[in-house]
Protein backbone atom coordinates (compact mmCIF):
# COMPACT_ATOMS: atom_id res chain seq x y z
CA MET A 1 71.75 -17.36 -32.03
CA SER A 2 70.92 -14.73 -34.09
CA VAL A 3 72.29 -11.46 -32.11
CA ARG A 4 68.96 -9.58 -32.70
CA GLU A 5 68.84 -5.50 -33.50
CA PRO A 6 65.21 -4.22 -32.12
CA LEU A 7 63.24 -2.47 -34.82
CA ASP A 8 60.70 0.38 -33.23
CA THR A 9 57.12 -0.44 -33.35
CA HIS A 10 56.51 1.45 -36.51
CA GLN A 11 59.21 -0.42 -38.30
CA LYS A 12 58.14 -3.27 -37.39
CA ALA A 13 54.18 -2.90 -38.63
CA LEU A 14 55.80 -1.47 -41.77
CA ASN A 15 57.93 -4.58 -42.69
CA ILE A 16 54.85 -6.65 -42.30
CA ASN A 17 52.97 -4.40 -44.41
CA LEU A 18 55.54 -4.08 -47.06
CA ASP A 19 56.21 -7.60 -46.91
CA PRO A 20 53.31 -9.39 -50.08
CA ARG A 21 53.51 -12.85 -48.56
CA ARG A 22 51.59 -12.52 -45.14
CA TYR A 23 47.85 -11.40 -45.45
CA GLY A 24 44.62 -11.87 -42.74
CA THR A 25 42.35 -10.56 -40.35
CA PHE A 26 42.73 -8.35 -37.21
CA ALA A 27 39.52 -9.02 -34.29
CA GLU A 28 39.23 -6.70 -31.72
CA ILE A 29 37.49 -6.60 -28.73
CA GLY A 30 37.63 -4.23 -26.33
CA ALA A 31 40.23 -0.89 -25.64
CA GLY A 32 39.60 0.16 -29.41
CA GLN A 33 41.57 -1.23 -32.47
CA GLU A 34 45.14 -0.72 -31.16
CA VAL A 35 46.57 -2.91 -33.00
CA VAL A 36 45.13 -2.64 -36.28
CA ARG A 37 45.47 0.86 -35.95
CA TRP A 38 49.83 0.53 -36.60
CA PHE A 39 49.01 -1.14 -39.48
CA PHE A 40 46.57 1.52 -40.58
CA ARG A 41 48.85 4.32 -39.61
CA VAL A 42 52.49 3.20 -41.30
CA GLY A 43 51.21 2.83 -44.78
CA ALA A 44 50.93 0.33 -47.15
CA GLY A 45 48.23 -1.77 -45.07
CA ALA A 46 46.03 -2.85 -48.08
CA GLY A 47 48.53 -5.21 -48.94
CA THR A 48 47.80 -7.06 -45.16
CA ILE A 49 44.47 -6.41 -43.58
CA ALA A 50 41.93 -8.51 -45.45
CA LYS A 51 39.61 -7.10 -42.51
CA SER A 52 39.45 -5.28 -39.82
CA MET A 53 36.22 -5.65 -37.22
CA SER A 54 35.46 -5.67 -33.96
CA ALA A 55 32.59 -7.14 -31.81
CA TYR A 56 31.61 -4.56 -28.78
CA ASP A 57 28.19 -5.68 -28.29
CA MET A 58 28.02 -9.25 -26.86
CA GLN A 59 24.62 -10.21 -28.78
CA VAL A 60 26.53 -9.18 -31.45
CA SER A 61 30.22 -10.69 -30.64
CA ASP A 62 27.68 -14.06 -29.60
CA ALA A 63 26.51 -13.90 -33.09
CA ILE A 64 29.23 -14.56 -35.05
CA TYR A 65 31.62 -15.92 -32.59
CA GLY A 66 29.32 -18.63 -30.25
CA GLN A 67 28.38 -18.27 -26.47
CA ALA A 68 30.84 -17.58 -23.96
CA ALA A 69 30.58 -17.80 -19.98
CA ARG A 70 33.42 -14.75 -20.78
CA TYR A 71 33.90 -12.21 -22.71
CA VAL A 72 37.40 -11.76 -22.03
CA CYS A 73 38.62 -15.18 -21.69
CA ARG A 74 41.39 -18.36 -23.37
CA GLU A 75 37.40 -19.92 -24.77
CA ARG A 76 36.43 -16.19 -26.63
CA LEU A 77 39.78 -15.75 -27.98
CA GLN A 78 40.63 -19.12 -29.16
CA ALA A 79 36.50 -19.23 -30.86
CA MET A 80 38.11 -15.74 -32.10
CA LEU A 81 41.37 -17.11 -34.16
CA ASP A 82 39.97 -20.24 -35.36
CA TYR A 83 36.42 -18.54 -36.71
CA GLU A 84 38.93 -15.82 -38.59
CA HIS A 85 41.65 -17.92 -39.89
CA GLY A 86 38.73 -19.77 -40.97
CA LEU A 87 37.24 -18.17 -42.76
CA ASN A 88 40.51 -16.10 -44.52
CA LEU A 89 41.20 -19.92 -45.80
CA ASP A 90 37.77 -20.66 -46.90
CA ARG A 91 37.66 -17.17 -48.55
CA LEU A 92 41.65 -17.12 -50.35
CA GLN A 93 43.21 -19.61 -50.18
CA ASP A 94 42.17 -20.74 -53.86
CA VAL A 95 42.54 -17.48 -54.94
CA ARG A 96 45.95 -16.62 -53.38
CA GLY A 97 46.99 -19.12 -51.33
CA ASP A 98 50.42 -19.84 -53.52
CA VAL A 99 51.57 -17.21 -52.96
CA SER A 100 50.83 -16.04 -49.04
CA THR A 101 50.55 -16.89 -46.05
CA PHE A 102 47.20 -16.30 -44.49
CA PHE A 103 46.56 -15.07 -40.49
CA ALA A 104 44.46 -13.99 -37.90
CA PHE A 105 45.43 -11.74 -35.31
CA ALA A 106 42.56 -11.33 -32.42
CA ASP A 107 42.52 -9.38 -29.22
CA THR A 108 39.55 -9.81 -26.31
CA VAL A 109 40.72 -7.09 -23.14
CA THR A 110 38.99 -5.07 -20.86
CA ALA A 111 41.03 -1.53 -20.00
CA ARG A 112 40.97 0.56 -17.13
CA SER A 113 37.07 1.76 -17.10
CA PHE A 114 35.78 5.06 -16.83
CA GLN A 115 35.22 4.32 -13.04
CA GLY A 116 38.27 2.93 -12.65
CA GLY A 117 38.98 -0.69 -10.18
CA ASN A 118 38.61 -3.37 -12.54
CA GLU A 119 41.38 -5.68 -13.35
CA CYS A 120 43.03 -4.61 -16.56
CA HIS A 121 43.94 -7.55 -19.07
CA GLY A 122 43.17 -9.49 -21.97
CA TRP A 123 43.91 -12.30 -24.01
CA MET A 124 46.24 -11.57 -27.38
CA GLY A 125 46.91 -14.14 -30.19
CA ILE A 126 47.43 -15.42 -33.39
CA LYS A 127 47.28 -18.12 -35.70
CA PHE A 128 49.30 -18.45 -39.10
CA GLN A 129 50.84 -20.12 -41.81
CA ALA A 130 54.81 -19.68 -41.21
CA HIS A 131 54.94 -20.85 -45.15
CA PRO A 132 52.28 -20.71 -47.82
CA ARG A 133 49.98 -23.90 -48.01
CA ASP A 134 51.59 -24.31 -44.58
CA GLU A 135 49.25 -26.16 -41.72
CA ASP A 136 48.08 -24.08 -39.03
CA SER A 137 50.64 -22.59 -36.00
CA GLN A 138 49.19 -20.14 -33.18
CA ILE A 139 50.82 -18.16 -30.51
CA ILE A 140 48.34 -17.19 -27.80
CA ILE A 141 49.05 -14.93 -24.58
CA HIS A 142 48.27 -13.25 -21.44
CA VAL A 143 48.71 -9.85 -20.34
CA ARG A 144 48.21 -7.48 -17.54
CA MET A 145 48.45 -3.89 -18.27
CA LEU A 146 49.85 -2.04 -15.18
CA ASP A 147 49.22 1.37 -16.51
CA GLY A 148 47.04 3.80 -14.65
CA GLU A 149 45.50 5.68 -17.39
CA ALA A 150 43.34 3.99 -20.50
CA ALA A 151 44.96 5.35 -22.72
CA LEU A 152 48.46 4.72 -21.80
CA GLN A 153 47.16 1.34 -21.16
CA GLN A 154 45.68 0.95 -24.86
CA GLU A 155 49.05 2.37 -26.18
CA ALA A 156 51.12 -0.45 -24.52
CA LEU A 157 48.21 -3.18 -26.03
CA GLY A 158 49.02 -2.06 -29.32
CA ILE A 159 52.65 -1.96 -28.96
CA VAL A 160 51.97 -6.04 -27.38
CA GLY A 161 50.23 -6.79 -30.34
CA VAL A 162 52.72 -5.53 -33.13
CA ASN A 163 55.13 -7.55 -31.68
CA LEU A 164 53.45 -10.81 -31.38
CA VAL A 165 52.80 -10.81 -35.28
CA TYR A 166 55.92 -8.91 -36.18
CA GLY A 167 57.61 -11.82 -34.05
CA ALA A 168 55.78 -14.83 -34.84
CA PHE A 169 56.26 -14.22 -38.57
CA THR A 170 60.17 -13.16 -38.88
CA ILE A 171 61.18 -15.03 -35.23
CA ASN A 172 59.36 -17.50 -34.44
CA HIS A 173 62.22 -20.08 -35.10
CA GLU A 174 63.50 -18.68 -31.87
CA PRO A 175 60.88 -18.19 -29.56
CA GLU A 176 62.90 -17.75 -26.18
CA GLU A 177 63.92 -14.47 -28.72
CA LEU A 178 60.10 -13.73 -29.64
CA ILE A 179 59.19 -13.97 -26.21
CA LYS A 180 62.07 -11.55 -25.25
CA SER A 181 60.67 -9.01 -28.27
CA LEU A 182 57.37 -8.75 -26.80
CA LEU A 183 58.35 -6.11 -24.83
CA ASP A 184 60.09 -4.52 -27.65
CA GLY A 185 59.13 -0.63 -26.86
CA LEU A 186 57.33 -0.98 -23.60
CA SER A 187 58.94 -1.75 -19.88
CA THR A 188 57.77 -4.36 -17.17
CA SER A 189 56.24 -1.68 -15.14
CA ARG A 190 54.15 -1.24 -17.68
CA VAL A 191 52.54 -4.66 -19.73
CA GLU A 192 53.22 -8.23 -17.18
CA ILE A 193 52.79 -11.57 -19.74
CA ASP A 194 52.13 -14.20 -17.29
CA MET A 195 50.97 -16.87 -20.20
CA ILE A 196 51.98 -17.63 -23.02
CA GLU A 197 51.71 -20.95 -25.13
CA PHE A 198 53.52 -21.77 -28.56
CA SER A 199 51.20 -24.55 -30.96
CA GLY A 200 51.19 -26.33 -34.31
CA ILE A 201 53.34 -26.85 -36.73
CA ALA A 202 55.64 -24.24 -36.50
CA PHE A 203 56.48 -24.84 -32.99
CA ARG A 204 56.31 -28.99 -33.00
CA HIS A 205 59.87 -28.76 -30.56
CA VAL A 206 58.89 -26.14 -28.42
CA ASP A 207 58.46 -27.19 -24.84
CA ASN A 208 56.09 -24.92 -23.30
CA ARG A 209 57.24 -25.07 -19.56
CA LEU A 210 60.70 -23.45 -20.94
CA MET A 211 58.35 -20.90 -22.12
CA SER A 212 57.05 -20.69 -18.97
CA LEU A 213 60.04 -20.45 -17.39
CA LYS A 214 61.48 -17.92 -19.82
CA LEU A 215 58.64 -15.55 -19.07
CA VAL A 216 59.87 -15.08 -15.32
CA GLU A 217 63.31 -15.60 -16.05
CA LEU A 218 63.14 -12.12 -18.23
CA GLY A 219 60.61 -10.59 -15.55
CA LEU A 220 57.55 -10.11 -18.04
CA SER A 221 55.94 -11.89 -14.79
CA GLY A 222 56.44 -13.02 -11.69
CA ALA A 223 54.80 -16.03 -11.99
CA ALA A 224 54.00 -18.40 -15.03
CA MET A 225 52.56 -21.95 -13.77
CA PHE A 226 51.57 -25.63 -15.75
CA ALA A 227 49.59 -28.88 -15.30
CA ALA A 228 50.85 -31.61 -15.05
CA ASP A 229 50.05 -32.83 -18.22
CA GLY A 230 52.41 -29.65 -19.94
CA GLU A 231 49.69 -27.30 -20.49
CA VAL A 232 50.47 -24.06 -19.38
CA LEU A 233 47.98 -22.38 -17.12
CA GLN A 234 47.14 -18.14 -16.61
CA PRO A 235 46.89 -17.59 -12.65
CA SER A 236 43.67 -15.56 -12.38
CA GLU A 237 41.80 -18.44 -14.47
CA PHE A 238 43.39 -21.39 -12.28
CA PHE A 239 43.02 -19.87 -8.92
CA ARG A 240 39.28 -17.66 -9.35
CA LYS A 241 37.06 -18.64 -6.36
CA ARG A 242 38.99 -21.79 -5.41
CA PRO A 243 40.67 -22.43 -1.88
CA ILE A 244 44.76 -22.33 -2.45
CA LEU A 245 47.52 -24.90 -1.18
CA VAL A 246 51.01 -23.92 -1.24
CA GLU A 247 53.93 -26.67 -1.40
CA ARG A 248 57.66 -24.97 -1.68
CA GLY A 249 60.59 -27.01 -2.48
CA SER A 250 63.55 -28.01 -4.83
CA PHE A 251 61.56 -31.52 -5.48
CA ARG A 252 65.26 -33.14 -6.68
CA PRO A 253 63.18 -35.10 -6.63
CA VAL A 254 59.63 -35.24 -5.33
CA CYS A 255 60.04 -37.51 -2.73
CA ASN A 256 57.42 -39.71 -0.14
CA VAL A 257 57.49 -36.53 2.63
CA ASN A 258 56.42 -33.91 0.18
CA LEU A 259 53.56 -35.72 -0.58
CA ASP A 260 52.55 -36.59 2.91
CA MET A 261 53.22 -32.94 3.62
CA LEU A 262 50.69 -31.94 1.21
CA ARG A 263 47.89 -34.52 2.52
CA CYS A 264 48.50 -33.85 6.15
CA ALA A 265 48.02 -29.87 5.35
CA HIS A 266 45.45 -30.33 2.94
CA GLU A 267 43.34 -32.52 5.72
CA LYS A 268 44.00 -30.17 8.05
CA PHE A 269 42.80 -26.87 5.79
CA ALA A 270 39.89 -28.78 4.49
CA GLU A 271 38.71 -28.59 7.54
CA LEU A 272 38.18 -25.49 8.01
CA PRO A 273 33.86 -24.46 7.56
CA ASP A 274 35.28 -21.33 5.60
CA VAL A 275 36.72 -24.44 3.13
CA ALA A 276 35.04 -27.36 3.66
CA GLU A 277 33.12 -28.53 0.95
CA LYS A 278 35.08 -26.63 -1.72
CA GLU A 279 37.32 -27.52 -3.95
CA ILE A 280 41.25 -27.26 -2.56
CA VAL A 281 43.98 -27.29 -5.32
CA GLN A 282 46.95 -27.58 -5.05
CA VAL A 283 50.39 -26.24 -6.25
CA MET A 284 53.85 -27.37 -6.52
CA GLU A 285 55.78 -23.89 -5.54
CA ILE A 286 59.88 -23.67 -7.10
CA THR A 287 61.04 -20.44 -6.83
CA MET A 288 63.77 -18.74 -8.94
CA ASN A 289 66.31 -18.63 -6.25
CA ASN A 290 66.00 -22.47 -6.03
CA LEU A 291 66.54 -22.86 -9.59
CA LYS A 292 69.16 -20.41 -10.25
CA ALA A 293 71.21 -21.75 -6.55
CA ASP A 294 73.86 -23.44 -8.58
CA GLY A 295 74.45 -20.27 -10.89
CA GLU A 296 72.90 -20.28 -14.75
CA ILE A 297 69.39 -22.62 -14.37
CA ASP A 298 70.09 -25.52 -15.87
CA HIS A 299 66.44 -26.61 -18.16
CA ARG A 300 67.32 -30.26 -17.43
CA ASP A 301 67.19 -30.18 -14.30
CA PHE A 302 64.20 -27.99 -14.61
CA LEU A 303 62.18 -30.60 -16.57
CA ALA A 304 63.64 -33.36 -14.37
CA ARG A 305 61.88 -31.62 -11.88
CA ALA A 306 58.72 -30.57 -13.51
CA ASP A 307 58.60 -34.10 -14.88
CA VAL A 308 58.75 -36.07 -11.57
CA VAL A 309 55.69 -33.47 -10.00
CA ALA A 310 53.75 -34.41 -13.57
CA ALA A 311 53.79 -37.88 -12.31
CA CYS A 312 52.19 -37.23 -9.36
CA GLY A 313 49.56 -35.69 -11.21
CA LEU A 314 50.61 -32.17 -9.60
CA THR A 315 50.54 -28.68 -10.87
CA VAL A 316 53.81 -26.54 -10.74
CA LEU A 317 54.30 -22.52 -10.20
CA ILE A 318 57.36 -21.25 -10.98
CA SER A 319 57.82 -17.49 -9.23
CA ASP A 320 60.71 -15.45 -8.10
CA TYR A 321 58.58 -14.67 -4.99
CA PHE A 322 61.95 -15.91 -2.62
CA GLU A 323 59.55 -13.73 0.25
CA TYR A 324 57.02 -16.02 1.78
CA TYR A 325 54.72 -12.47 1.74
CA ARG A 326 55.39 -11.71 -1.43
CA LEU A 327 54.05 -15.43 -2.17
CA ALA A 328 51.02 -14.38 -0.10
CA ALA A 329 50.32 -11.09 -2.16
CA TYR A 330 50.58 -12.63 -5.65
CA LEU A 331 47.94 -15.49 -4.85
CA SER A 332 45.90 -13.08 -2.61
CA GLY A 333 45.03 -10.77 -5.88
CA TYR A 334 43.57 -14.64 -8.14
CA THR A 335 40.81 -15.87 -5.13
CA THR A 336 38.89 -14.22 -2.36
CA GLU A 337 39.10 -17.35 -0.61
CA ARG A 338 41.85 -19.30 1.57
CA ILE A 339 45.61 -19.92 0.83
CA ALA A 340 47.35 -22.42 2.98
CA ILE A 341 51.50 -22.78 3.06
CA VAL A 342 52.98 -25.88 3.85
CA MET A 343 56.07 -26.42 5.02
CA GLY A 344 58.66 -27.83 7.52
CA THR A 345 59.91 -27.16 10.35
CA GLY A 346 63.73 -26.19 9.15
CA SER A 347 61.30 -23.69 7.03
CA LEU A 348 59.89 -22.06 10.01
CA ARG A 349 62.53 -21.36 11.99
CA GLU A 350 64.19 -20.18 8.67
CA LEU A 351 61.01 -18.23 8.36
CA PHE A 352 61.90 -15.51 11.69
CA ASP A 353 65.49 -14.97 10.17
CA GLU A 354 65.79 -11.52 10.42
CA LYS A 355 68.66 -10.91 7.71
CA TYR A 356 65.44 -11.57 4.97
CA TYR A 357 63.91 -8.91 5.88
CA THR A 358 66.58 -5.53 6.21
CA ASP A 359 64.49 -4.02 2.99
CA LEU A 360 61.33 -3.32 4.85
CA GLN A 361 60.79 -0.73 7.09
CA GLY A 362 59.72 -2.29 9.09
CA GLY A 363 61.48 -5.46 9.39
CA ILE A 364 60.13 -8.68 9.95
CA LEU A 365 56.85 -7.27 11.35
CA GLU A 366 56.43 -5.79 8.62
CA SER A 367 56.64 -8.97 6.30
CA PHE A 368 54.42 -11.20 8.77
CA GLY A 369 51.64 -8.73 8.54
CA ARG A 370 51.95 -8.59 5.22
CA LEU A 371 52.30 -12.61 5.27
CA PHE A 372 48.82 -12.55 7.42
CA LYS A 373 47.19 -9.73 6.00
CA ASN A 374 44.53 -11.84 4.82
CA ASP A 375 43.95 -14.44 7.81
CA LEU A 376 46.38 -17.11 5.66
CA LYS A 377 47.65 -20.41 7.29
CA LEU A 378 50.81 -21.84 7.73
CA TYR A 379 50.74 -25.13 8.36
CA CYS A 380 54.15 -26.91 10.09
CA TYR A 381 55.24 -30.25 9.22
CA PRO A 382 57.33 -32.04 11.69
CA LEU A 383 61.59 -32.50 11.52
CA LEU A 384 63.47 -35.26 12.41
CA GLU A 385 66.83 -33.98 13.39
CA LYS A 386 69.28 -36.29 12.65
CA GLU A 387 71.96 -35.31 14.88
CA THR A 388 69.43 -36.05 18.43
CA ALA A 389 67.22 -38.35 16.42
CA GLU A 390 64.49 -35.66 18.06
CA ILE A 391 61.20 -34.90 16.26
CA ALA A 392 60.95 -30.67 16.04
CA THR A 393 57.88 -29.57 15.86
CA CYS A 394 56.27 -25.82 16.10
CA ASP A 395 55.75 -26.86 19.40
CA ASN A 396 59.08 -26.84 20.43
CA LEU A 397 60.47 -24.91 18.14
CA ARG A 398 63.10 -22.65 20.04
CA LEU A 399 63.94 -18.94 18.70
CA LYS A 400 66.09 -15.74 19.84
CA PRO A 401 64.36 -14.79 22.84
CA GLU A 402 63.13 -11.26 21.02
CA LEU A 403 61.24 -13.35 18.30
CA GLN A 404 59.60 -16.35 21.24
CA LYS A 405 56.92 -14.31 22.37
CA LEU A 406 56.16 -12.99 18.31
CA TYR A 407 56.61 -16.32 17.30
CA GLY A 408 53.71 -17.43 19.95
CA TYR A 409 51.61 -14.95 19.18
CA LEU A 410 51.29 -16.22 15.91
CA LEU A 411 51.32 -19.85 17.32
CA ASP A 412 48.29 -19.26 19.34
CA HIS A 413 45.71 -17.47 17.22
CA GLY A 414 45.56 -19.72 14.19
CA GLY A 415 48.94 -18.28 11.66
CA ILE A 416 50.52 -21.38 12.23
CA ASN A 417 49.52 -24.37 12.62
CA CYS A 418 51.51 -27.84 14.03
CA LEU A 419 50.41 -30.69 11.47
CA ASP A 420 50.09 -33.87 13.53
CA ASN A 421 48.58 -36.24 11.46
CA TYR A 422 52.21 -37.04 9.48
CA ASP A 423 53.30 -40.26 8.48
CA PRO A 424 56.87 -41.53 10.71
CA ASP A 425 58.12 -43.53 8.15
CA CYS A 426 58.62 -40.13 6.12
CA LEU A 427 59.72 -38.38 8.75
CA GLY A 428 63.93 -39.46 7.85
CA ILE A 429 63.46 -39.15 4.52
CA PHE A 430 65.80 -35.85 2.53
CA SER A 431 65.69 -35.06 -1.09
CA ARG A 432 69.62 -34.47 -0.77
CA GLU A 433 70.27 -37.93 0.73
CA ILE A 434 67.78 -39.54 -2.44
CA LEU A 435 70.44 -37.82 -4.51
CA LYS A 436 73.31 -39.66 -3.08
CA LYS A 437 71.75 -42.46 -3.24
CA ILE A 438 71.10 -42.22 -6.87
CA LYS A 439 74.50 -41.33 -7.54
CA ALA A 440 75.85 -44.83 -5.56
CA LYS A 441 73.27 -46.04 -7.63
CA ASP A 442 71.97 -47.42 -3.97
CA THR A 443 68.25 -48.91 -4.88
CA THR A 444 66.90 -48.51 -1.88
CA TRP A 445 66.33 -44.52 -2.54
CA GLU A 446 63.55 -46.37 -4.81
CA THR A 447 61.29 -47.21 -1.40
CA MET A 448 61.56 -43.29 -0.94
CA VAL A 449 60.09 -42.17 -4.03
CA PRO A 450 56.54 -42.60 -5.13
CA GLN A 451 56.84 -45.59 -7.81
CA SER A 452 55.67 -42.75 -10.62
CA VAL A 453 58.76 -40.55 -9.91
CA ALA A 454 61.26 -43.76 -9.50
CA GLY A 455 59.95 -45.11 -13.27
CA VAL A 456 60.39 -41.25 -14.56
CA ILE A 457 63.69 -40.89 -12.78
CA LYS A 458 64.19 -44.40 -14.25
CA GLU A 459 63.16 -44.46 -17.72
CA ARG A 460 64.81 -40.54 -18.10
CA LYS A 461 68.21 -41.12 -16.65
CA TYR A 462 67.32 -37.92 -14.24
CA PHE A 463 69.77 -36.74 -11.45
CA ASP A 464 72.48 -38.89 -12.35
CA TYR A 465 70.54 -42.16 -12.43
CA HIS A 466 72.77 -45.18 -13.72
CA ALA A 467 71.19 -48.58 -13.45
CA ALA A 468 72.95 -50.66 -10.71
CA SER A 469 75.13 -53.84 -12.30
CA ALA A 470 73.51 -56.77 -11.83
C-alpha cells in the first residue's frame, strides 16, 4: 500500500477541478451548499460542475426525487444519486462520454437548528464512473456532526464532502485508505462516520463488513453494524423506536449456549408490559477489545465470526465500548424503548470487579448509575462450574462483602434478573472447548453448535478445521 500524503481541502477541490475527466452534479439538501462551495471557491469549477442545485422545499424535493418517509434518510439520498447521475448520462454521454467520467454527489443533512436540541446528522454519497463509459460505482456514508455551532457543523460537512469526492476519484483502489482520508483536515471530536457502503464495479472485491470494522478501528465511529446478509446498517435507523436485546461474546464460534442465552432473555424481556407485542431487535456484539485480544486484528478470524453469526440470521454490532455502561449509553441514544443485555454468570461476576472503574470519579457506583440509568435490564444465564459441577446463578452469586449489598439492591429492584428457563443440555458447552475439539478433529463439536454454523465452519475451514480421516 502506498504512503499517502494528505492534501488540504483547497488542494483536493482544485485538483478535481483541473482534471478534465471529472464532470458531474452536486445536489445538496439542508445545511447549505457546503460541498460544492469549495469547488466554486478554488476556481476552475466550470471544468467539473455540470450543475449545482438544492431543493430545500419539501414539495419541490418530492417533485424532483419522489416522496420519502423522511427527508434526511438513506432512501432520499439514493433517489437523489440515481436521478442526478441518470440525467448526466442521458444528457451528456453522447457528447463527451468517451473522455469524461460522470458523477453525481448528493447529501441530505440536518445541522444544528436555531432552537438547538435536534440530532445533527446527514447522508452523503457519490455515484460515479471510475473510467469513461464504465459501469457505475457508489459510496454512501452517514455522518454525525459533533460541533456545537451550526456554522462549524457546515464547515465540517463541506470538508468531509470534498474528501469523499477526492477519495472516490483518486484512491478508490484502496478503500481502507479512502476511509482514513475522510477525516483529513478534521478530527473525531468534530465528525463521526458510523456507516459506509461501497458498491459497484470499482468495489466488486470489497467486503463492506471489513469496511465497517475499519470505521471503528480508526476511531471514526464508536460502533458499526451489519446484517446477516452483509448489508451495512446505520444504527439510528435500525434501532429507531425498537426495544433492543444485546448479547456480547467472542462467537468463536457461535454455539448452542449462545443461542439459548438469547432465547431465554428474549422470552423474559418480551413479558415486560412495555415490551410485549413490540418487535425486539436482537444483536450479537463483538468488542474491539475482544478482536484485539491477541494483538493485531486478524481479518480472516473476524470474517469467520461474522459468518457464523450470519449463519444464525443475526445482526452483528462491532463496538469500542468495553465498559457496559458505555454500551448502554450508546444504545439509549438511538431508542426510547427498553434495552436489555444478556450475559453469563461469569461475566456478571466480572462486572462487579472494581478495577474496571478506576477512571471514573464515582467508581463502581457511578458505572452502575450510568448502566441502569434508563431502567436497563440485565439477564443472567447460569454457569456450570466445571471444578465443582455446581450451577452458579445470579441468586447464589457471591461477591466481596462490601459489594454484596449493592448487588442485592440491583437484584431486588429488577435491574439484574435470573434466567430460569434455560436448556440444561447447553450448560456444559464452552466455545474454547469447541475450538480444541475442532483442532483435534473430534467431530463431537458438531453437536455443540447449530447445524448451519457447523456447515459454514466445515465449508470454509474456519477455526483451523480440517476434516477427520475416514
